[in-house]
Each structure stands twice: as structure tokens, then as C-alpha cells.
């Protein structure tokens, strides 16, 4: 009986450790064509354009990859394809959202190497 209890407790601890390790981690976004996710990607490009020179304005093309992370709100890490005059390039954008407050903020935006 002691061996059974030991393995039960060990199994339970393994499950708890696995679950706690995934809290706050980025998870793939299952539907990149979801209108809300598309809106966030377009917001990221628009905000980037507001803070850059007129010669380097980007035009949104599509989302290549996306992940979300639940924190106090939601972080969206998106790989976005956009035209920049010289062709199409990929960019990584992180957008923070507080859905209940209708709040969006572009945290970072950079070229994919």
C-alpha cells in the first residue's frame, strides 16, 4: 500500500509541475484568420507606420505565425508579412491587449532575420 501511495503522490506532483510550467507560456493561435487576430496584426502595422519615416511605410499582407500568452491581459506575438516598397518581408510584432478595457499597445516590432 505504501508503494501505491508513493507512486500516486509522485504522479500527482508530476502533473502539477507540468501544469504550472505552462501557465503564462506562449501557445499557438489556432486560427490566424480569426477577425480579431487579423485586427491586432493590422493594428501592429499601423502603429509601426506612425512611428517610422514616410519612406518606410508598411502595407499589411498576412499573418505567417501567431502565438498568444495569457498574463494580466493577453500578449500576441505575431509574425506578419508586409510590403515595404522593396518587396515583402516578415516582421515580429508583440501586441498587449486588455480586452475588458478595449486597450491595445504595440510592445515591439522588428524585422525577422
N, C-alpha and C. Protein backbone atom coordinates (compact mmCIF):
# COMPACT_ATOMS: atom_id res chain seq x y z
N UNK A 1 0.81 -1.20 0.00
CA UNK A 1 0.00 0.00 0.00
C UNK A 1 0.86 1.27 0.00
N UNK A 2 1.97 1.26 0.73
CA UNK A 2 2.84 2.42 0.77
C UNK A 2 3.45 2.72 -0.60
N UNK A 3 3.79 1.68 -1.35
CA UNK A 3 4.35 1.86 -2.68
C UNK A 3 3.31 2.51 -3.60
N UNK A 4 2.07 2.07 -3.49
CA UNK A 4 1.00 2.63 -4.30
C UNK A 4 0.80 4.11 -3.99
N UNK A 5 0.77 4.44 -2.73
CA UNK A 5 0.59 5.83 -2.31
C UNK A 5 1.76 6.69 -2.79
N UNK A 6 2.96 6.16 -2.71
CA UNK A 6 4.14 6.88 -3.16
C UNK A 6 4.04 7.20 -4.65
N UNK A 7 3.68 6.21 -5.48
CA UNK A 7 3.58 6.44 -6.92
C UNK A 7 2.42 7.36 -7.26
N UNK A 8 1.34 7.29 -6.49
CA UNK A 8 0.22 8.19 -6.72
C UNK A 8 0.65 9.64 -6.45
N UNK A 9 1.32 9.86 -5.34
CA UNK A 9 1.78 11.21 -4.99
C UNK A 9 2.82 11.70 -6.00
N UNK A 10 3.71 10.82 -6.41
CA UNK A 10 4.72 11.17 -7.40
C UNK A 10 4.06 11.57 -8.72
N UNK A 11 3.06 10.81 -9.15
CA UNK A 11 2.32 11.13 -10.38
C UNK A 11 1.60 12.46 -10.26
N UNK A 12 0.98 12.69 -9.11
CA UNK A 12 0.27 13.94 -8.87
C UNK A 12 1.22 15.14 -8.92
N UNK A 13 2.38 15.00 -8.32
CA UNK A 13 3.37 16.08 -8.35
C UNK A 13 3.86 16.35 -9.78
N UNK A 14 4.01 15.31 -10.57
CA UNK A 14 4.44 15.48 -11.96
C UNK A 14 3.39 16.26 -12.76
N UNK A 15 2.12 15.95 -12.53
CA UNK A 15 1.04 16.65 -13.23
C UNK A 15 1.02 18.12 -12.81
N UNK A 16 1.14 18.39 -11.53
CA UNK A 16 1.14 19.77 -11.03
C UNK A 16 2.32 20.55 -11.59
N UNK A 17 3.49 19.94 -11.62
CA UNK A 17 4.69 20.61 -12.14
C UNK A 17 4.53 20.94 -13.62
N UNK A 18 3.96 20.03 -14.38
CA UNK A 18 3.75 20.25 -15.81
C UNK A 18 2.75 21.37 -16.03
N UNK A 19 1.66 21.37 -15.29
CA UNK A 19 0.63 22.39 -15.44
C UNK A 19 1.16 23.77 -15.06
N UNK A 20 1.90 23.86 -13.99
CA UNK A 20 2.41 25.17 -13.57
C UNK A 20 3.49 25.69 -14.50
N UNK A 21 4.20 24.82 -15.17
CA UNK A 21 5.23 25.25 -16.12
C UNK A 21 4.62 25.89 -17.35
N UNK A 22 3.37 25.52 -17.71
CA UNK A 22 2.75 26.05 -18.92
C UNK A 22 1.95 27.33 -18.68
N UNK A 23 1.70 27.70 -17.44
CA UNK A 23 0.98 28.93 -17.14
C UNK A 23 1.84 30.11 -17.57
N UNK A 24 1.26 30.99 -18.36
CA UNK A 24 2.00 32.16 -18.81
C UNK A 24 2.89 31.92 -20.01
N UNK A 25 2.93 30.70 -20.52
CA UNK A 25 3.76 30.44 -21.69
C UNK A 25 2.98 30.76 -22.97
N UNK A 26 3.70 31.04 -24.05
CA UNK A 26 3.05 31.30 -25.33
C UNK A 26 2.48 30.01 -25.89
N UNK A 27 1.28 30.12 -26.46
CA UNK A 27 0.61 28.98 -27.08
C UNK A 27 0.23 29.38 -28.51
N UNK A 28 0.29 28.44 -29.46
CA UNK A 28 -0.06 28.77 -30.85
C UNK A 28 -1.52 29.25 -30.96
N UNK A 29 -1.74 30.21 -31.82
CA UNK A 29 -3.10 30.68 -32.11
C UNK A 29 -3.67 29.73 -33.15
N UNK A 30 -4.78 29.04 -32.84
CA UNK A 30 -5.29 28.02 -33.76
C UNK A 30 -5.82 28.56 -35.08
N UNK A 31 -6.41 29.77 -35.08
CA UNK A 31 -7.00 30.31 -36.31
C UNK A 31 -6.42 31.70 -36.59
N UNK A 32 -5.43 31.75 -37.45
CA UNK A 32 -4.80 33.03 -37.78
C UNK A 32 -5.70 33.92 -38.63
N UNK A 33 -6.79 33.35 -39.17
CA UNK A 33 -7.73 34.12 -39.97
C UNK A 33 -8.87 34.69 -39.13
N UNK A 34 -8.86 34.43 -37.83
CA UNK A 34 -9.87 34.98 -36.93
C UNK A 34 -9.87 36.50 -37.08
N UNK A 35 -11.04 37.12 -37.25
CA UNK A 35 -11.09 38.57 -37.47
C UNK A 35 -10.41 39.39 -36.36
N UNK A 36 -10.52 38.94 -35.12
CA UNK A 36 -9.89 39.68 -34.02
C UNK A 36 -8.36 39.63 -34.13
N UNK A 37 -7.83 38.48 -34.47
CA UNK A 37 -6.38 38.33 -34.63
C UNK A 37 -5.90 39.17 -35.83
N UNK A 38 -6.68 39.17 -36.90
CA UNK A 38 -6.34 40.00 -38.06
C UNK A 38 -6.33 41.48 -37.69
N UNK A 39 -7.30 41.89 -36.89
CA UNK A 39 -7.38 43.28 -36.44
C UNK A 39 -6.13 43.66 -35.63
N UNK A 40 -5.68 42.76 -34.78
CA UNK A 40 -4.49 43.02 -33.96
C UNK A 40 -3.24 43.14 -34.85
N UNK A 41 -3.13 42.29 -35.86
CA UNK A 41 -1.97 42.35 -36.77
C UNK A 41 -1.97 43.66 -37.55
N UNK A 42 -3.13 44.06 -38.04
CA UNK A 42 -3.22 45.32 -38.78
C UNK A 42 -2.94 46.52 -37.87
N UNK A 43 -3.38 46.43 -36.63
CA UNK A 43 -3.07 47.46 -35.64
C UNK A 43 -1.56 47.59 -35.47
N UNK A 44 -0.87 46.45 -35.38
CA UNK A 44 0.59 46.46 -35.19
C UNK A 44 1.28 47.18 -36.34
N UNK A 45 0.88 46.88 -37.57
CA UNK A 45 1.49 47.53 -38.74
C UNK A 45 1.17 49.03 -38.74
N UNK A 46 -0.07 49.37 -38.44
CA UNK A 46 -0.48 50.77 -38.39
C UNK A 46 0.30 51.56 -37.35
N UNK A 47 0.46 50.99 -36.16
CA UNK A 47 1.22 51.66 -35.10
C UNK A 47 2.69 51.80 -35.48
N UNK A 48 3.23 50.77 -36.11
CA UNK A 48 4.63 50.84 -36.58
C UNK A 48 4.78 51.99 -37.57
N UNK A 49 3.82 52.10 -38.49
CA UNK A 49 3.89 53.15 -39.51
C UNK A 49 3.82 54.56 -38.90
N UNK A 50 3.11 54.71 -37.78
CA UNK A 50 3.00 56.02 -37.13
C UNK A 50 4.35 56.49 -36.58
N UNK A 51 5.23 55.56 -36.29
CA UNK A 51 6.49 55.89 -35.64
C UNK A 51 7.71 55.64 -36.53
N UNK A 52 7.51 55.72 -37.84
CA UNK A 52 8.61 55.49 -38.76
C UNK A 52 8.58 56.55 -39.86
N UNK A 53 9.63 56.63 -40.65
CA UNK A 53 9.69 57.62 -41.73
C UNK A 53 8.72 57.25 -42.85
N UNK A 54 8.27 58.25 -43.58
CA UNK A 54 7.30 58.04 -44.66
C UNK A 54 7.83 57.13 -45.76
N UNK A 55 9.15 57.09 -45.94
CA UNK A 55 9.74 56.26 -46.98
C UNK A 55 9.69 54.77 -46.64
N UNK A 56 9.42 54.44 -45.41
CA UNK A 56 9.46 53.05 -44.97
C UNK A 56 8.10 52.54 -44.49
N UNK A 57 7.00 53.09 -44.97
CA UNK A 57 5.67 52.65 -44.55
C UNK A 57 5.41 51.22 -45.03
N UNK A 58 4.80 50.45 -44.17
CA UNK A 58 4.50 49.05 -44.48
C UNK A 58 3.04 48.89 -44.87
N UNK A 59 2.79 47.89 -45.71
CA UNK A 59 1.43 47.52 -46.09
C UNK A 59 1.20 46.08 -45.66
N UNK A 60 0.22 45.86 -44.80
CA UNK A 60 -0.08 44.54 -44.26
C UNK A 60 -0.41 43.55 -45.38
N UNK A 61 0.13 42.33 -45.29
CA UNK A 61 -0.18 41.27 -46.26
C UNK A 61 -0.92 40.13 -45.56
N UNK A 62 -0.27 39.50 -44.56
CA UNK A 62 -0.89 38.37 -43.86
C UNK A 62 -0.13 38.04 -42.59
N UNK A 63 -0.76 37.18 -41.77
CA UNK A 63 -0.08 36.65 -40.59
C UNK A 63 0.54 35.32 -40.99
N UNK A 64 1.83 35.16 -40.73
CA UNK A 64 2.55 33.93 -41.05
C UNK A 64 2.47 32.95 -39.89
N UNK A 65 2.58 33.48 -38.67
CA UNK A 65 2.58 32.64 -37.47
C UNK A 65 2.07 33.50 -36.32
N UNK A 66 1.41 32.86 -35.36
CA UNK A 66 0.93 33.62 -34.22
C UNK A 66 0.86 32.80 -32.95
N UNK A 67 1.19 33.46 -31.85
CA UNK A 67 1.12 32.85 -30.53
C UNK A 67 0.51 33.86 -29.57
N UNK A 68 -0.15 33.34 -28.53
CA UNK A 68 -0.69 34.23 -27.51
C UNK A 68 -0.26 33.75 -26.13
N UNK A 69 -0.20 34.69 -25.21
CA UNK A 69 0.22 34.42 -23.85
C UNK A 69 -0.73 35.15 -22.91
N UNK A 70 -1.35 34.39 -22.01
CA UNK A 70 -2.24 35.00 -21.03
C UNK A 70 -1.40 35.50 -19.87
N UNK A 71 -1.49 36.81 -19.63
CA UNK A 71 -0.83 37.44 -18.48
C UNK A 71 -1.94 38.22 -17.78
N UNK A 72 -1.72 39.43 -17.34
CA UNK A 72 -2.80 40.25 -16.80
C UNK A 72 -3.82 40.52 -17.89
N UNK A 73 -3.35 40.59 -19.11
CA UNK A 73 -4.18 40.69 -20.31
C UNK A 73 -3.72 39.57 -21.23
N UNK A 74 -3.54 39.90 -22.50
CA UNK A 74 -3.06 38.90 -23.48
C UNK A 74 -1.94 39.53 -24.30
N UNK A 75 -0.82 38.84 -24.40
CA UNK A 75 0.25 39.22 -25.32
C UNK A 75 0.07 38.40 -26.59
N UNK A 76 0.08 39.07 -27.73
CA UNK A 76 0.05 38.40 -29.03
C UNK A 76 1.42 38.59 -29.66
N UNK A 77 2.08 37.48 -29.99
CA UNK A 77 3.36 37.54 -30.71
C UNK A 77 3.07 37.02 -32.11
N UNK A 78 3.13 37.92 -33.08
CA UNK A 78 2.74 37.60 -34.45
C UNK A 78 3.90 37.81 -35.41
N UNK A 79 4.07 36.86 -36.32
CA UNK A 79 4.98 37.06 -37.45
C UNK A 79 4.08 37.53 -38.59
N UNK A 80 4.34 38.76 -39.02
CA UNK A 80 3.48 39.42 -40.00
C UNK A 80 4.27 39.63 -41.29
N UNK A 81 3.65 39.29 -42.40
CA UNK A 81 4.22 39.56 -43.71
C UNK A 81 3.68 40.91 -44.18
N UNK A 82 4.59 41.80 -44.62
CA UNK A 82 4.18 43.13 -45.05
C UNK A 82 5.07 43.63 -46.19
N UNK A 83 4.46 44.42 -47.08
CA UNK A 83 5.20 45.04 -48.18
C UNK A 83 5.85 46.31 -47.66
N UNK A 84 7.10 46.53 -48.08
CA UNK A 84 7.79 47.75 -47.64
C UNK A 84 8.43 48.52 -48.80
N UNK A 85 7.81 48.47 -49.95
CA UNK A 85 8.35 49.20 -51.10
C UNK A 85 9.34 48.37 -51.90
N UNK A 86 10.27 47.71 -51.23
CA UNK A 86 11.27 46.90 -51.90
C UNK A 86 10.88 45.44 -52.02
N UNK A 87 9.73 45.09 -51.54
CA UNK A 87 9.27 43.70 -51.58
C UNK A 87 8.54 43.35 -50.30
N UNK A 88 8.33 42.06 -50.13
CA UNK A 88 7.61 41.58 -48.94
C UNK A 88 8.62 41.02 -47.95
N UNK A 89 8.50 41.45 -46.70
CA UNK A 89 9.36 40.97 -45.63
C UNK A 89 8.50 40.53 -44.45
N UNK A 90 9.11 39.75 -43.56
CA UNK A 90 8.42 39.31 -42.35
C UNK A 90 8.91 40.12 -41.15
N UNK A 91 7.98 40.40 -40.26
CA UNK A 91 8.25 41.18 -39.06
C UNK A 91 7.63 40.47 -37.86
N UNK A 92 8.26 40.62 -36.71
CA UNK A 92 7.70 40.08 -35.46
C UNK A 92 7.13 41.25 -34.68
N UNK A 93 5.85 41.13 -34.35
CA UNK A 93 5.19 42.16 -33.55
C UNK A 93 4.66 41.54 -32.27
N UNK A 94 4.79 42.26 -31.18
CA UNK A 94 4.16 41.86 -29.92
C UNK A 94 3.17 42.96 -29.55
N UNK A 95 1.92 42.55 -29.39
CA UNK A 95 0.86 43.48 -29.03
C UNK A 95 0.24 43.01 -27.72
N UNK A 96 0.11 43.94 -26.79
CA UNK A 96 -0.51 43.65 -25.49
C UNK A 96 -1.95 44.14 -25.52
N UNK A 97 -2.88 43.28 -25.10
CA UNK A 97 -4.30 43.63 -25.11
C UNK A 97 -4.91 43.42 -23.73
N UNK A 98 -5.74 44.37 -23.33
CA UNK A 98 -6.63 44.22 -22.18
C UNK A 98 -8.05 44.26 -22.76
N UNK A 99 -8.62 43.09 -23.08
CA UNK A 99 -9.91 43.06 -23.77
C UNK A 99 -11.03 43.79 -23.02
N UNK A 100 -11.05 43.66 -21.70
CA UNK A 100 -12.12 44.27 -20.91
C UNK A 100 -12.04 45.80 -20.90
N UNK A 101 -10.87 46.35 -21.20
CA UNK A 101 -10.68 47.80 -21.20
C UNK A 101 -10.58 48.36 -22.63
N UNK A 102 -10.72 47.49 -23.63
CA UNK A 102 -10.57 47.89 -25.04
C UNK A 102 -9.24 48.60 -25.25
N UNK A 103 -8.17 47.99 -24.74
CA UNK A 103 -6.84 48.58 -24.75
C UNK A 103 -5.89 47.72 -25.56
N UNK A 104 -5.17 48.35 -26.50
CA UNK A 104 -4.12 47.69 -27.28
C UNK A 104 -2.86 48.54 -27.21
N UNK A 105 -1.71 47.87 -27.16
CA UNK A 105 -0.43 48.58 -27.16
C UNK A 105 0.61 47.74 -27.90
N UNK A 106 1.28 48.37 -28.86
CA UNK A 106 2.36 47.71 -29.58
C UNK A 106 3.60 47.73 -28.69
N UNK A 107 4.02 46.56 -28.25
CA UNK A 107 5.16 46.43 -27.35
C UNK A 107 6.48 46.40 -28.11
N UNK A 108 6.51 45.67 -29.22
CA UNK A 108 7.73 45.62 -30.03
C UNK A 108 7.37 45.28 -31.48
N UNK A 109 8.26 45.69 -32.37
CA UNK A 109 8.08 45.44 -33.80
C UNK A 109 9.46 45.41 -34.43
N UNK A 110 9.83 44.27 -35.01
CA UNK A 110 11.17 44.16 -35.58
C UNK A 110 11.17 43.24 -36.80
N UNK A 111 12.19 43.39 -37.62
CA UNK A 111 12.35 42.55 -38.81
C UNK A 111 12.80 41.15 -38.39
N UNK A 112 12.26 40.14 -39.06
CA UNK A 112 12.69 38.77 -38.82
C UNK A 112 14.00 38.57 -39.56
N UNK A 113 14.99 38.05 -38.87
CA UNK A 113 16.30 37.81 -39.50
C UNK A 113 16.34 36.47 -40.17
